[in-house]
Amino acid sequence: MDRRVDMDWMLKDLAESVPQTRHVVVLSSDGLCMARHATDQDTADRIAAIGSGLQSLSVAIAAEFEHSSGRMRMVVIEVDGGFMYLMAAGAGAHLAVLADEGVDAGLVGQCMRDLVARIGAHLTSPPRHDGSSV
């Protein structure tokens, strides 16, 4: 069974609890869409690729801090029109949320943390061994 189908329902509560949420995507560190809610597949794939790049850049930034473990916890980007939030969500997995500019930023962060705490073990991307997804 496709893991994507198994996880999509987990994202529904976050998407419906935060007004002005546009997209919710779970991605692997290497940029594969693992689950999505309120998002078509092409958009989810683009968000997953963007999230992977941001995660990679955040590791480089973490290296600049002497006592950093090198792990990304959360990235927030504000652009004209809205925000992108990216949070670590299990081993090798990340949670991305795109929201309109009027969104309650504190509510987004809290709902993302709550979701990761409740189901973080399910938001894990096993390592790929031979170049194929597991």
N, C-alpha and C. Protein backbone atom coordinates (compact mmCIF):
# COMPACT_ATOMS: atom_id res chain seq x y z
N MET A 1 0.84 -1.17 0.00
CA MET A 1 0.00 0.00 0.00
C MET A 1 0.89 1.24 0.00
N ASP A 2 0.49 2.26 -0.69
CA ASP A 2 1.23 3.50 -0.78
C ASP A 2 1.21 4.23 0.56
N ARG A 3 2.39 4.56 1.10
CA ARG A 3 2.48 5.26 2.39
C ARG A 3 1.79 6.61 2.31
N ARG A 4 1.78 7.24 1.14
CA ARG A 4 1.17 8.54 0.97
C ARG A 4 -0.31 8.49 1.36
N VAL A 5 -1.01 7.47 0.92
CA VAL A 5 -2.41 7.31 1.25
C VAL A 5 -2.58 7.15 2.76
N ASP A 6 -1.69 6.42 3.40
CA ASP A 6 -1.77 6.18 4.84
C ASP A 6 -1.63 7.45 5.66
N MET A 7 -0.86 8.41 5.21
CA MET A 7 -0.57 9.59 6.01
C MET A 7 -1.42 10.81 5.69
N ASP A 8 -2.05 10.87 4.56
CA ASP A 8 -2.78 12.08 4.16
C ASP A 8 -3.81 12.51 5.20
N TRP A 9 -4.51 11.56 5.80
CA TRP A 9 -5.55 11.91 6.77
C TRP A 9 -4.97 12.60 8.00
N MET A 10 -3.70 12.31 8.33
CA MET A 10 -3.08 12.91 9.49
C MET A 10 -2.90 14.42 9.36
N LEU A 11 -2.87 14.89 8.14
CA LEU A 11 -2.63 16.31 7.87
C LEU A 11 -3.91 17.13 7.84
N LYS A 12 -5.04 16.45 7.74
CA LYS A 12 -6.32 17.14 7.60
C LYS A 12 -6.60 18.07 8.78
N ASP A 13 -6.36 17.61 9.99
CA ASP A 13 -6.65 18.41 11.18
C ASP A 13 -5.86 19.71 11.16
N LEU A 14 -4.58 19.65 10.83
CA LEU A 14 -3.77 20.86 10.77
C LEU A 14 -4.32 21.82 9.72
N ALA A 15 -4.60 21.32 8.55
CA ALA A 15 -5.09 22.16 7.46
C ALA A 15 -6.41 22.82 7.81
N GLU A 16 -7.27 22.11 8.50
CA GLU A 16 -8.59 22.65 8.81
C GLU A 16 -8.60 23.47 10.11
N SER A 17 -7.59 23.31 10.96
CA SER A 17 -7.53 24.04 12.22
C SER A 17 -6.93 25.44 12.08
N VAL A 18 -6.18 25.67 11.04
CA VAL A 18 -5.50 26.96 10.86
C VAL A 18 -6.10 27.67 9.65
N PRO A 19 -6.93 28.70 9.91
CA PRO A 19 -7.48 29.46 8.79
C PRO A 19 -6.36 30.04 7.93
N GLN A 20 -6.58 30.08 6.64
CA GLN A 20 -5.67 30.62 5.64
C GLN A 20 -4.52 29.68 5.29
N THR A 21 -4.63 28.41 5.69
CA THR A 21 -3.66 27.41 5.26
C THR A 21 -3.96 27.05 3.82
N ARG A 22 -2.93 27.05 2.98
CA ARG A 22 -3.11 26.72 1.56
C ARG A 22 -2.69 25.28 1.25
N HIS A 23 -1.54 24.86 1.77
CA HIS A 23 -0.99 23.54 1.45
C HIS A 23 -0.32 22.94 2.67
N VAL A 24 -0.45 21.62 2.83
CA VAL A 24 0.25 20.88 3.87
C VAL A 24 0.87 19.66 3.20
N VAL A 25 2.19 19.51 3.37
CA VAL A 25 2.93 18.44 2.70
C VAL A 25 3.94 17.83 3.68
N VAL A 26 4.06 16.53 3.65
CA VAL A 26 5.14 15.83 4.34
C VAL A 26 6.11 15.38 3.26
N LEU A 27 7.39 15.67 3.49
CA LEU A 27 8.40 15.33 2.49
C LEU A 27 9.57 14.62 3.14
N SER A 28 10.25 13.84 2.33
CA SER A 28 11.49 13.21 2.78
C SER A 28 12.62 14.23 2.62
N SER A 29 13.71 13.99 3.30
CA SER A 29 14.85 14.92 3.21
C SER A 29 15.36 15.07 1.78
N ASP A 30 15.18 14.03 0.97
CA ASP A 30 15.65 14.12 -0.40
C ASP A 30 14.58 14.64 -1.37
N GLY A 31 13.49 15.19 -0.82
CA GLY A 31 12.54 15.93 -1.65
C GLY A 31 11.38 15.16 -2.23
N LEU A 32 11.08 13.98 -1.71
CA LEU A 32 9.93 13.23 -2.21
C LEU A 32 8.70 13.54 -1.37
N CYS A 33 7.58 13.76 -2.02
CA CYS A 33 6.33 13.99 -1.32
C CYS A 33 5.87 12.66 -0.72
N MET A 34 5.71 12.64 0.61
CA MET A 34 5.27 11.44 1.30
C MET A 34 3.77 11.47 1.61
N ALA A 35 3.23 12.69 1.78
CA ALA A 35 1.81 12.85 2.08
C ALA A 35 1.43 14.30 1.79
N ARG A 36 0.15 14.51 1.56
CA ARG A 36 -0.32 15.87 1.26
C ARG A 36 -1.78 15.99 1.63
N HIS A 37 -2.19 17.22 1.90
CA HIS A 37 -3.61 17.50 2.14
C HIS A 37 -3.92 18.86 1.54
N ALA A 38 -5.07 18.97 0.91
CA ALA A 38 -5.53 20.21 0.28
C ALA A 38 -4.56 20.69 -0.79
N THR A 39 -3.89 19.75 -1.44
CA THR A 39 -2.85 20.08 -2.40
C THR A 39 -2.84 19.07 -3.53
N ASP A 40 -2.79 19.55 -4.78
CA ASP A 40 -2.69 18.61 -5.90
C ASP A 40 -1.27 18.05 -5.96
N GLN A 41 -1.10 16.95 -6.65
CA GLN A 41 0.18 16.23 -6.66
C GLN A 41 1.32 17.08 -7.23
N ASP A 42 1.09 17.81 -8.31
CA ASP A 42 2.17 18.62 -8.90
C ASP A 42 2.65 19.70 -7.93
N THR A 43 1.70 20.37 -7.27
CA THR A 43 2.07 21.40 -6.30
C THR A 43 2.79 20.77 -5.12
N ALA A 44 2.30 19.64 -4.64
CA ALA A 44 2.95 18.95 -3.51
C ALA A 44 4.37 18.55 -3.87
N ASP A 45 4.59 18.08 -5.08
CA ASP A 45 5.94 17.70 -5.51
C ASP A 45 6.87 18.92 -5.55
N ARG A 46 6.36 20.07 -6.02
CA ARG A 46 7.18 21.29 -6.04
C ARG A 46 7.51 21.73 -4.61
N ILE A 47 6.52 21.70 -3.72
CA ILE A 47 6.76 22.09 -2.33
C ILE A 47 7.77 21.15 -1.68
N ALA A 48 7.68 19.86 -1.97
CA ALA A 48 8.63 18.89 -1.42
C ALA A 48 10.05 19.19 -1.90
N ALA A 49 10.22 19.52 -3.16
CA ALA A 49 11.54 19.84 -3.69
C ALA A 49 12.09 21.11 -3.04
N ILE A 50 11.24 22.12 -2.90
CA ILE A 50 11.65 23.37 -2.25
C ILE A 50 12.03 23.10 -0.80
N GLY A 51 11.21 22.34 -0.10
CA GLY A 51 11.48 22.02 1.29
C GLY A 51 12.80 21.29 1.47
N SER A 52 13.10 20.39 0.57
CA SER A 52 14.37 19.66 0.64
C SER A 52 15.55 20.60 0.50
N GLY A 53 15.44 21.55 -0.42
CA GLY A 53 16.50 22.54 -0.59
C GLY A 53 16.68 23.41 0.64
N LEU A 54 15.56 23.84 1.22
CA LEU A 54 15.63 24.67 2.43
C LEU A 54 16.25 23.89 3.59
N GLN A 55 15.88 22.64 3.71
CA GLN A 55 16.43 21.79 4.77
C GLN A 55 17.94 21.67 4.60
N SER A 56 18.38 21.48 3.39
CA SER A 56 19.81 21.36 3.10
C SER A 56 20.55 22.65 3.45
N LEU A 57 19.97 23.78 3.08
CA LEU A 57 20.59 25.07 3.40
C LEU A 57 20.64 25.30 4.90
N SER A 58 19.63 24.86 5.62
CA SER A 58 19.60 25.07 7.06
C SER A 58 20.70 24.27 7.76
N VAL A 59 21.07 23.13 7.22
CA VAL A 59 22.18 22.35 7.79
C VAL A 59 23.49 23.13 7.63
N ALA A 60 23.65 23.78 6.50
CA ALA A 60 24.85 24.61 6.28
C ALA A 60 24.87 25.79 7.25
N ILE A 61 23.72 26.38 7.50
CA ILE A 61 23.64 27.49 8.44
C ILE A 61 23.96 27.00 9.85
N ALA A 62 23.43 25.84 10.22
CA ALA A 62 23.67 25.29 11.56
C ALA A 62 25.16 25.09 11.83
N ALA A 63 25.91 24.79 10.79
CA ALA A 63 27.35 24.57 10.94
C ALA A 63 28.06 25.84 11.40
N GLU A 64 27.44 26.97 11.23
CA GLU A 64 28.02 28.24 11.65
C GLU A 64 27.87 28.50 13.14
N PHE A 65 27.09 27.68 13.82
CA PHE A 65 26.88 27.83 15.26
C PHE A 65 27.69 26.77 16.00
N GLU A 66 28.56 27.22 16.86
CA GLU A 66 29.53 26.35 17.53
C GLU A 66 28.90 25.15 18.23
N HIS A 67 27.80 25.34 18.90
CA HIS A 67 27.21 24.25 19.70
C HIS A 67 26.00 23.61 19.04
N SER A 68 25.84 23.80 17.76
CA SER A 68 24.70 23.25 17.05
C SER A 68 24.88 21.76 16.79
N SER A 69 23.78 21.03 16.84
CA SER A 69 23.81 19.61 16.48
C SER A 69 23.77 19.43 14.96
N GLY A 70 23.52 20.52 14.24
CA GLY A 70 23.44 20.46 12.79
C GLY A 70 22.06 20.14 12.26
N ARG A 71 21.11 19.94 13.16
CA ARG A 71 19.74 19.61 12.75
C ARG A 71 18.90 20.87 12.57
N MET A 72 18.08 20.84 11.56
CA MET A 72 17.13 21.91 11.35
C MET A 72 15.90 21.62 12.20
N ARG A 73 15.40 22.61 12.91
CA ARG A 73 14.16 22.44 13.67
C ARG A 73 12.99 23.05 12.91
N MET A 74 13.14 24.34 12.53
CA MET A 74 12.07 25.00 11.80
C MET A 74 12.64 26.13 10.97
N VAL A 75 12.10 26.29 9.78
CA VAL A 75 12.44 27.38 8.88
C VAL A 75 11.14 28.09 8.54
N VAL A 76 11.16 29.41 8.59
CA VAL A 76 9.99 30.20 8.19
C VAL A 76 10.46 31.22 7.17
N ILE A 77 9.76 31.26 6.05
CA ILE A 77 10.07 32.23 5.01
C ILE A 77 8.81 33.05 4.75
N GLU A 78 8.96 34.36 4.80
CA GLU A 78 7.85 35.26 4.50
C GLU A 78 8.12 35.90 3.15
N VAL A 79 7.14 35.83 2.28
CA VAL A 79 7.21 36.47 0.96
C VAL A 79 5.93 37.29 0.79
N ASP A 80 5.91 38.14 -0.22
CA ASP A 80 4.67 38.86 -0.51
C ASP A 80 3.57 37.84 -0.72
N GLY A 81 2.53 37.92 0.05
CA GLY A 81 1.40 37.02 -0.12
C GLY A 81 1.31 35.90 0.89
N GLY A 82 2.41 35.59 1.61
CA GLY A 82 2.28 34.49 2.55
C GLY A 82 3.58 34.00 3.14
N PHE A 83 3.48 32.80 3.71
CA PHE A 83 4.58 32.19 4.45
C PHE A 83 4.75 30.74 4.03
N MET A 84 6.00 30.27 4.17
CA MET A 84 6.27 28.84 4.10
C MET A 84 6.93 28.46 5.42
N TYR A 85 6.39 27.42 6.04
CA TYR A 85 6.93 26.88 7.28
C TYR A 85 7.45 25.48 6.97
N LEU A 86 8.62 25.16 7.49
CA LEU A 86 9.20 23.84 7.31
C LEU A 86 9.73 23.38 8.67
N MET A 87 9.29 22.20 9.11
CA MET A 87 9.67 21.69 10.42
C MET A 87 10.14 20.25 10.31
N ALA A 88 11.20 19.93 11.06
CA ALA A 88 11.64 18.54 11.15
C ALA A 88 10.50 17.72 11.76
N ALA A 89 10.26 16.55 11.20
CA ALA A 89 9.08 15.76 11.63
C ALA A 89 9.38 14.27 11.60
N GLY A 90 10.39 13.84 12.31
CA GLY A 90 10.75 12.44 12.30
C GLY A 90 12.05 12.26 11.54
N ALA A 91 12.62 11.08 11.65
CA ALA A 91 13.91 10.79 11.01
C ALA A 91 13.77 10.85 9.49
N GLY A 92 14.41 11.84 8.89
CA GLY A 92 14.41 11.96 7.44
C GLY A 92 13.13 12.50 6.84
N ALA A 93 12.25 13.07 7.67
CA ALA A 93 10.98 13.61 7.16
C ALA A 93 10.77 15.02 7.68
N HIS A 94 10.02 15.81 6.91
CA HIS A 94 9.76 17.20 7.26
C HIS A 94 8.30 17.54 6.93
N LEU A 95 7.76 18.47 7.68
CA LEU A 95 6.40 18.94 7.49
C LEU A 95 6.47 20.35 6.94
N ALA A 96 5.81 20.59 5.81
CA ALA A 96 5.78 21.92 5.18
C ALA A 96 4.34 22.42 5.14
N VAL A 97 4.19 23.71 5.46
CA VAL A 97 2.88 24.36 5.40
C VAL A 97 3.06 25.68 4.67
N LEU A 98 2.21 25.93 3.68
CA LEU A 98 2.15 27.23 3.03
C LEU A 98 0.84 27.87 3.45
N ALA A 99 0.92 29.15 3.84
CA ALA A 99 -0.26 29.85 4.33
C ALA A 99 -0.27 31.28 3.82
N ASP A 100 -1.47 31.85 3.71
CA ASP A 100 -1.63 33.22 3.26
C ASP A 100 -1.06 34.20 4.28
N GLU A 101 -0.82 35.43 3.86
CA GLU A 101 -0.14 36.40 4.72
C GLU A 101 -0.91 36.78 5.97
N GLY A 102 -2.20 36.62 6.04
CA GLY A 102 -2.97 36.96 7.22
C GLY A 102 -3.02 35.86 8.27
N VAL A 103 -2.31 34.78 8.07
CA VAL A 103 -2.35 33.63 8.97
C VAL A 103 -1.79 34.00 10.35
N ASP A 104 -2.29 33.34 11.37
CA ASP A 104 -1.76 33.49 12.73
C ASP A 104 -0.50 32.64 12.82
N ALA A 105 0.66 33.28 12.77
CA ALA A 105 1.93 32.56 12.74
C ALA A 105 2.13 31.68 13.97
N GLY A 106 1.72 32.16 15.12
CA GLY A 106 1.85 31.37 16.34
C GLY A 106 1.01 30.12 16.29
N LEU A 107 -0.19 30.23 15.74
CA LEU A 107 -1.08 29.08 15.63
C LEU A 107 -0.51 28.05 14.66
N VAL A 108 0.05 28.50 13.55
CA VAL A 108 0.66 27.56 12.60
C VAL A 108 1.77 26.78 13.29
N GLY A 109 2.68 27.49 13.95
CA GLY A 109 3.80 26.83 14.62
C GLY A 109 3.32 25.85 15.69
N GLN A 110 2.35 26.26 16.49
CA GLN A 110 1.84 25.38 17.55
C GLN A 110 1.18 24.14 16.96
N CYS A 111 0.36 24.32 15.94
CA CYS A 111 -0.32 23.16 15.33
C CYS A 111 0.68 22.22 14.67
N MET A 112 1.73 22.76 14.07
CA MET A 112 2.76 21.91 13.48
C MET A 112 3.48 21.13 14.57
N ARG A 113 3.86 21.81 15.66
CA ARG A 113 4.54 21.11 16.77
C ARG A 113 3.65 20.03 17.37
N ASP A 114 2.36 20.34 17.53
CA ASP A 114 1.43 19.36 18.09
C ASP A 114 1.32 18.14 17.18
N LEU A 115 1.21 18.38 15.88
CA LEU A 115 1.10 17.28 14.93
C LEU A 115 2.34 16.41 14.96
N VAL A 116 3.50 17.03 14.96
CA VAL A 116 4.75 16.27 14.97
C VAL A 116 4.88 15.47 16.27
N ALA A 117 4.48 16.08 17.39
CA ALA A 117 4.55 15.36 18.68
C ALA A 117 3.60 14.17 18.71
N ARG A 118 2.41 14.32 18.12
CA ARG A 118 1.42 13.24 18.14
C ARG A 118 1.78 12.10 17.19
N ILE A 119 2.27 12.45 16.03
CA ILE A 119 2.45 11.41 15.01
C ILE A 119 3.83 11.40 14.38
N GLY A 120 4.81 11.98 15.06
CA GLY A 120 6.15 12.07 14.50
C GLY A 120 6.73 10.73 14.08
N ALA A 121 6.42 9.68 14.81
CA ALA A 121 6.94 8.35 14.46
C ALA A 121 6.41 7.89 13.11
N HIS A 122 5.22 8.35 12.73
CA HIS A 122 4.65 7.99 11.44
C HIS A 122 5.21 8.86 10.32
N LEU A 123 5.80 10.00 10.68
CA LEU A 123 6.36 10.92 9.69
C LEU A 123 7.85 10.67 9.57
N THR A 124 8.20 9.45 9.23
CA THR A 124 9.59 9.05 9.12
C THR A 124 9.82 8.47 7.74
N SER A 125 10.89 8.91 7.13
CA SER A 125 11.24 8.40 5.82
C SER A 125 12.40 7.43 5.97
N PRO A 126 12.17 6.14 5.74
CA PRO A 126 13.29 5.19 5.84
C PRO A 126 14.31 5.48 4.75
N PRO A 127 15.58 5.23 5.04
CA PRO A 127 16.60 5.49 4.02
C PRO A 127 16.38 4.62 2.79
N ARG A 128 16.70 5.20 1.64
CA ARG A 128 16.62 4.43 0.40
C ARG A 128 17.98 3.81 0.15
N HIS A 129 18.00 2.55 -0.24
CA HIS A 129 19.27 1.84 -0.36
C HIS A 129 19.77 1.75 -1.81
N ASP A 130 18.98 1.39 -2.71
CA ASP A 130 19.46 1.18 -4.07
C ASP A 130 18.97 2.26 -5.03
N GLY A 131 18.62 3.44 -4.48
CA GLY A 131 18.12 4.51 -5.33
C GLY A 131 16.63 4.44 -5.52
N SER A 132 15.97 3.42 -5.00
CA SER A 132 14.53 3.33 -5.14
C SER A 132 13.89 3.64 -3.81
N SER A 133 12.64 4.08 -3.84
CA SER A 133 11.97 4.37 -2.58
C SER A 133 11.54 3.08 -1.92
N VAL A 134 11.50 3.13 -0.60
CA VAL A 134 11.14 1.94 0.19
C VAL A 134 9.66 1.96 0.48
